[in-house]
Amino acid sequence: MLRLLITGGTFDKHYDAVRGELTFRDTHLPQILETVRCTVPLELEICRLVDSLYMGDEDRQAVAEACRAAPERSIVITHGTDSMTLTAERLLQEGLDKTIVLTGAMVPFTVSGSDALFNLGGAIVAARTCPPGVYIVMHGQVFPAGRVQKNRGQGCFEETL
């Protein structure tokens, strides 16, 4: 069994045509899992629906507590990419004997050309196969927490040494 912990980010944003901006209404994860025909037994949990630019220490603490409380040993967290590395490092400090994988999207699921499906699939596989630890999975790559950064200029994640 796998826990899918939802925190928001671009992954779950909707385009609000009236306001002309991306906002949150609800998570897309049930629709996504149905679309990709995911057969992995999992439990969905909405922890937050927040833009990671506005995620603070309280939010990261709530994510850490949700991971600690989860009975599952494999956890995927959907998260905004702007502060994903900070949350991953915070979870690494917890020292949980679980495999925790954070993923997100550069383009919302609802927008053509989104990377959400690919990243979620990669994260689910990583959570089920990687040893205990904290990881970020983006664009087909698995990065250990504490050794990854977002390259805003290139729109990708890369390993740091």
C-alpha atoms as a PDB file:
ATOM      1  CA  MET A   1       0.000   0.000   0.000  1.00  0.00           C
ATOM      2  CA  LEU A   2       1.169   3.488  -0.854  1.00  0.00           C
ATOM      3  CA  ARG A   3       0.149   6.848   0.655  1.00  0.00           C
ATOM      4  CA  LEU A   4      -0.331   9.724  -1.795  1.00  0.00           C
ATOM      5  CA  LEU A   5      -0.032  12.949   0.174  1.00  0.00           C
ATOM      6  CA  ILE A   6      -1.306  16.036  -1.640  1.00  0.00           C
ATOM      7  CA  THR A   7       0.060  19.503  -0.867  1.00  0.00           C
ATOM      8  CA  GLY A   8      -0.936  21.481  -3.962  1.00  0.00           C
ATOM      9  CA  GLY A   9       1.552  23.230  -6.207  1.00  0.00           C
ATOM     10  CA  THR A  10       1.255  23.667  -9.955  1.00  0.00           C
ATOM     11  CA  PHE A  11       0.228  19.995 -10.169  1.00  0.00           C
ATOM     12  CA  ASP A  12      -3.244  20.823  -8.818  1.00  0.00           C
ATOM     13  CA  LYS A  13      -3.839  24.322 -10.140  1.00  0.00           C
ATOM     14  CA  HIS A  14      -6.835  25.259 -12.295  1.00  0.00           C
ATOM     15  CA  TYR A  15      -7.009  28.185 -14.665  1.00  0.00           C
ATOM     16  CA  ASP A  16      -9.662  30.634 -13.443  1.00  0.00           C
ATOM     17  CA  ALA A  17     -10.769  32.425 -16.638  1.00  0.00           C
ATOM     18  CA  VAL A  18     -12.732  35.066 -14.717  1.00  0.00           C
ATOM     19  CA  ARG A  19      -9.752  36.108 -12.611  1.00  0.00           C
ATOM     20  CA  GLY A  20      -7.186  35.277 -15.287  1.00  0.00           C
ATOM     21  CA  GLU A  21      -5.009  33.314 -12.890  1.00  0.00           C
ATOM     22  CA  LEU A  22      -4.152  29.835 -11.674  1.00  0.00           C
ATOM     23  CA  THR A  23      -5.971  28.887  -8.467  1.00  0.00           C
ATOM     24  CA  PHE A  24      -6.846  25.849  -6.337  1.00  0.00           C
ATOM     25  CA  ARG A  25     -10.299  24.278  -6.185  1.00  0.00           C
ATOM     26  CA  ASP A  26      -9.614  20.637  -5.425  1.00  0.00           C
ATOM     27  CA  THR A  27      -7.070  17.977  -6.282  1.00  0.00           C
ATOM     28  CA  HIS A  28      -6.872  16.371  -9.722  1.00  0.00           C
ATOM     29  CA  LEU A  29      -5.376  13.170  -8.305  1.00  0.00           C
ATOM     30  CA  PRO A  30      -8.483  10.935  -8.465  1.00  0.00           C
ATOM     31  CA  GLN A  31      -8.979  11.896 -12.135  1.00  0.00           C
ATOM     32  CA  ILE A  32      -5.269  11.434 -12.889  1.00  0.00           C
ATOM     33  CA  LEU A  33      -5.146   7.985 -11.290  1.00  0.00           C
ATOM     34  CA  GLU A  34      -8.207   6.920 -13.267  1.00  0.00           C
ATOM     35  CA  THR A  35      -6.787   8.333 -16.512  1.00  0.00           C
ATOM     36  CA  VAL A  36      -3.501   6.429 -16.167  1.00  0.00           C
ATOM     37  CA  ARG A  37      -5.284   3.274 -14.954  1.00  0.00           C
ATOM     38  CA  CYS A  38      -3.147   3.063 -11.831  1.00  0.00           C
ATOM     39  CA  THR A  39      -3.556  -0.354 -10.201  1.00  0.00           C
ATOM     40  CA  VAL A  40      -1.254   0.314  -7.243  1.00  0.00           C
ATOM     41  CA  PRO A  41      -3.212   0.116  -3.983  1.00  0.00           C
ATOM     42  CA  LEU A  42      -3.029   3.578  -2.464  1.00  0.00           C
ATOM     43  CA  GLU A  43      -4.596   5.949   0.002  1.00  0.00           C
ATOM     44  CA  LEU A  44      -5.117   9.605  -0.965  1.00  0.00           C
ATOM     45  CA  GLU A  45      -4.722  12.292   1.690  1.00  0.00           C
ATOM     46  CA  ILE A  46      -5.033  16.034   1.168  1.00  0.00           C
ATOM     47  CA  CYS A  47      -2.639  17.704   3.573  1.00  0.00           C
ATOM     48  CA  ARG A  48      -2.659  21.179   2.004  1.00  0.00           C
ATOM     49  CA  LEU A  49      -3.543  22.888  -1.254  1.00  0.00           C
ATOM     50  CA  VAL A  50      -0.956  25.648  -1.358  1.00  0.00           C
ATOM     51  CA  ASP A  51       1.417  27.274  -3.808  1.00  0.00           C
ATOM     52  CA  SER A  52       4.864  26.221  -2.599  1.00  0.00           C
ATOM     53  CA  LEU A  53       6.067  29.829  -2.844  1.00  0.00           C
ATOM     54  CA  TYR A  54       3.837  30.457   0.174  1.00  0.00           C
ATOM     55  CA  MET A  55       4.629  27.225   2.030  1.00  0.00           C
ATOM     56  CA  GLY A  56       6.152  27.944   5.407  1.00  0.00           C
ATOM     57  CA  ASP A  57       7.545  26.077   8.401  1.00  0.00           C
ATOM     58  CA  GLU A  58       4.042  25.291   9.718  1.00  0.00           C
ATOM     59  CA  ASP A  59       3.109  23.689   6.402  1.00  0.00           C
ATOM     60  CA  ARG A  60       6.321  21.652   6.295  1.00  0.00           C
ATOM     61  CA  GLN A  61       5.712  20.517   9.870  1.00  0.00           C
ATOM     62  CA  ALA A  62       2.211  19.343   8.867  1.00  0.00           C
ATOM     63  CA  VAL A  63       3.690  17.379   5.956  1.00  0.00           C
ATOM     64  CA  ALA A  64       6.287  15.798   8.255  1.00  0.00           C
ATOM     65  CA  GLU A  65       3.599  14.862  10.783  1.00  0.00           C
ATOM     66  CA  ALA A  66       1.427  13.346   8.034  1.00  0.00           C
ATOM     67  CA  CYS A  67       4.382  11.240   6.865  1.00  0.00           C
ATOM     68  CA  ARG A  68       5.142  10.124  10.411  1.00  0.00           C
ATOM     69  CA  ALA A  69       1.488   9.227  11.081  1.00  0.00           C
ATOM     70  CA  ALA A  70       0.992   7.330   7.817  1.00  0.00           C
ATOM     71  CA  PRO A  71       0.958   3.563   8.349  1.00  0.00           C
ATOM     72  CA  GLU A  72       2.375   3.046   4.854  1.00  0.00           C
ATOM     73  CA  ARG A  73       6.149   2.768   4.392  1.00  0.00           C
ATOM     74  CA  SER A  74       5.966   4.200   0.854  1.00  0.00           C
ATOM     75  CA  ILE A  75       4.761   7.792   0.424  1.00  0.00           C
ATOM     76  CA  VAL A  76       4.451  10.028  -2.625  1.00  0.00           C
ATOM     77  CA  ILE A  77       3.966  13.749  -2.025  1.00  0.00           C
ATOM     78  CA  THR A  78       2.691  16.040  -4.772  1.00  0.00           C
ATOM     79  CA  HIS A  79       4.289  19.418  -4.131  1.00  0.00           C
ATOM     80  CA  GLY A  80       4.993  22.727  -5.804  1.00  0.00           C
ATOM     81  CA  THR A  81       8.404  22.799  -7.436  1.00  0.00           C
ATOM     82  CA  ASP A  82       9.526  26.182  -6.101  1.00  0.00           C
ATOM     83  CA  SER A  83      10.177  24.947  -2.556  1.00  0.00           C
ATOM     84  CA  MET A  84      10.126  21.174  -3.031  1.00  0.00           C
ATOM     85  CA  THR A  85      13.809  20.877  -2.124  1.00  0.00           C
ATOM     86  CA  LEU A  86      13.210  22.653   1.214  1.00  0.00           C
ATOM     87  CA  THR A  87      10.431  20.237   2.157  1.00  0.00           C
ATOM     88  CA  ALA A  88      12.558  17.262   1.079  1.00  0.00           C
ATOM     89  CA  GLU A  89      15.418  18.454   3.281  1.00  0.00           C
ATOM     90  CA  ARG A  90      13.012  18.973   6.189  1.00  0.00           C
ATOM     91  CA  LEU A  91      11.698  15.418   5.785  1.00  0.00           C
ATOM     92  CA  LEU A  92      15.247  14.082   5.599  1.00  0.00           C
ATOM     93  CA  GLN A  93      15.884  15.571   9.058  1.00  0.00           C
ATOM     94  CA  GLU A  94      12.980  13.515  10.427  1.00  0.00           C
ATOM     95  CA  GLY A  95      14.946  10.295   9.872  1.00  0.00           C
ATOM     96  CA  LEU A  96      11.823   8.258   9.115  1.00  0.00           C
ATOM     97  CA  ASP A  97      12.348   4.648   8.072  1.00  0.00           C
ATOM     98  CA  LYS A  98      10.123   5.143   5.017  1.00  0.00           C
ATOM     99  CA  THR A  99      10.563   5.798   1.329  1.00  0.00           C
ATOM    100  CA  ILE A 100       9.259   9.307   0.701  1.00  0.00           C
ATOM    101  CA  VAL A 101       9.172  10.706  -2.818  1.00  0.00           C
ATOM    102  CA  LEU A 102       8.248  14.277  -3.694  1.00  0.00           C
ATOM    103  CA  THR A 103       7.134  15.189  -7.193  1.00  0.00           C
ATOM    104  CA  GLY A 104       5.396  18.019  -8.943  1.00  0.00           C
ATOM    105  CA  ALA A 105       4.781  19.612 -12.298  1.00  0.00           C
ATOM    106  CA  MET A 106       6.157  22.573 -14.183  1.00  0.00           C
ATOM    107  CA  VAL A 107       2.874  22.758 -16.138  1.00  0.00           C
ATOM    108  CA  PRO A 108      -0.548  22.166 -14.475  1.00  0.00           C
ATOM    109  CA  PHE A 109      -2.298  18.868 -15.211  1.00  0.00           C
ATOM    110  CA  THR A 110      -5.162  20.798 -16.841  1.00  0.00           C
ATOM    111  CA  VAL A 111      -2.857  22.452 -19.408  1.00  0.00           C
ATOM    112  CA  SER A 112      -1.762  20.758 -22.627  1.00  0.00           C
ATOM    113  CA  GLY A 113       1.816  19.543 -22.463  1.00  0.00           C
ATOM    114  CA  SER A 114       1.755  18.988 -18.691  1.00  0.00           C
ATOM    115  CA  ASP A 115       4.498  16.877 -17.162  1.00  0.00           C
ATOM    116  CA  ALA A 116       2.248  15.887 -14.227  1.00  0.00           C
ATOM    117  CA  LEU A 117       1.357  12.374 -15.411  1.00  0.00           C
ATOM    118  CA  PHE A 118       4.926  11.419 -16.256  1.00  0.00           C
ATOM    119  CA  ASN A 119       6.278  12.744 -12.957  1.00  0.00           C
ATOM    120  CA  LEU A 120       3.576  11.066 -10.878  1.00  0.00           C
ATOM    121  CA  GLY A 121       4.181   7.704 -12.567  1.00  0.00           C
ATOM    122  CA  GLY A 122       7.906   7.997 -11.935  1.00  0.00           C
ATOM    123  CA  ALA A 123       7.320   8.930  -8.314  1.00  0.00           C
ATOM    124  CA  ILE A 124       5.030   5.951  -7.698  1.00  0.00           C
ATOM    125  CA  VAL A 125       7.605   3.553  -9.150  1.00  0.00           C
ATOM    126  CA  ALA A 126      10.412   5.168  -7.108  1.00  0.00           C
ATOM    127  CA  ALA A 127       8.389   5.013  -3.877  1.00  0.00           C
ATOM    128  CA  ARG A 128       7.841   1.294  -4.413  1.00  0.00           C
ATOM    129  CA  THR A 129      11.406   0.403  -5.413  1.00  0.00           C
ATOM    130  CA  CYS A 130      13.890   2.793  -3.770  1.00  0.00           C
ATOM    131  CA  PRO A 131      15.301   2.021  -0.323  1.00  0.00           C
ATOM    132  CA  PRO A 132      14.092   4.074   2.649  1.00  0.00           C
ATOM    133  CA  GLY A 133      15.028   7.718   2.289  1.00  0.00           C
ATOM    134  CA  VAL A 134      13.728  10.965   0.852  1.00  0.00           C
ATOM    135  CA  TYR A 135      13.816  11.621  -2.885  1.00  0.00           C
ATOM    136  CA  ILE A 136      12.638  14.060  -5.533  1.00  0.00           C
ATOM    137  CA  VAL A 137      11.459  12.581  -8.831  1.00  0.00           C
ATOM    138  CA  MET A 138      11.113  14.925 -11.796  1.00  0.00           C
ATOM    139  CA  HIS A 139      11.324  14.328 -15.535  1.00  0.00           C
ATOM    140  CA  GLY A 140      12.453  10.717 -15.309  1.00  0.00           C
ATOM    141  CA  GLN A 141      15.192  11.273 -12.738  1.00  0.00           C
ATOM    142  CA  VAL A 142      15.431  10.290  -9.078  1.00  0.00           C
ATOM    143  CA  PHE A 143      17.375  12.721  -6.879  1.00  0.00           C
ATOM    144  CA  PRO A 144      18.318  12.121  -3.233  1.00  0.00           C
ATOM    145  CA  ALA A 145      17.082  14.877  -0.903  1.00  0.00           C
ATOM    146  CA  GLY A 146      19.826  17.300   0.036  1.00  0.00           C
ATOM    147  CA  ARG A 147      21.611  16.777  -3.287  1.00  0.00           C
ATOM    148  CA  VAL A 148      19.206  18.432  -5.725  1.00  0.00           C
ATOM    149  CA  GLN A 149      18.264  21.910  -6.823  1.00  0.00           C
ATOM    150  CA  LYS A 150      15.753  23.477  -9.175  1.00  0.00           C
ATOM    151  CA  ASN A 151      17.343  25.141 -12.177  1.00  0.00           C
ATOM    152  CA  ARG A 152      14.820  27.896 -12.786  1.00  0.00           C
ATOM    153  CA  GLY A 153      16.528  29.017 -15.984  1.00  0.00           C
ATOM    154  CA  GLN A 154      16.263  25.575 -17.583  1.00  0.00           C
ATOM    155  CA  GLY A 155      12.982  24.574 -15.936  1.00  0.00           C
ATOM    156  CA  CYS A 156      14.383  21.336 -14.551  1.00  0.00           C
ATOM    157  CA  PHE A 157      15.944  19.751 -11.485  1.00  0.00           C
ATOM    158  CA  GLU A 158      19.601  18.785 -11.287  1.00  0.00           C
ATOM    159  CA  GLU A 159      21.819  16.989  -8.824  1.00  0.00           C
ATOM    160  CA  THR A 160      24.226  19.001  -6.704  1.00  0.00           C
ATOM    161  CA  LEU A 161      27.462  17.567  -5.403  1.00  0.00           C
END
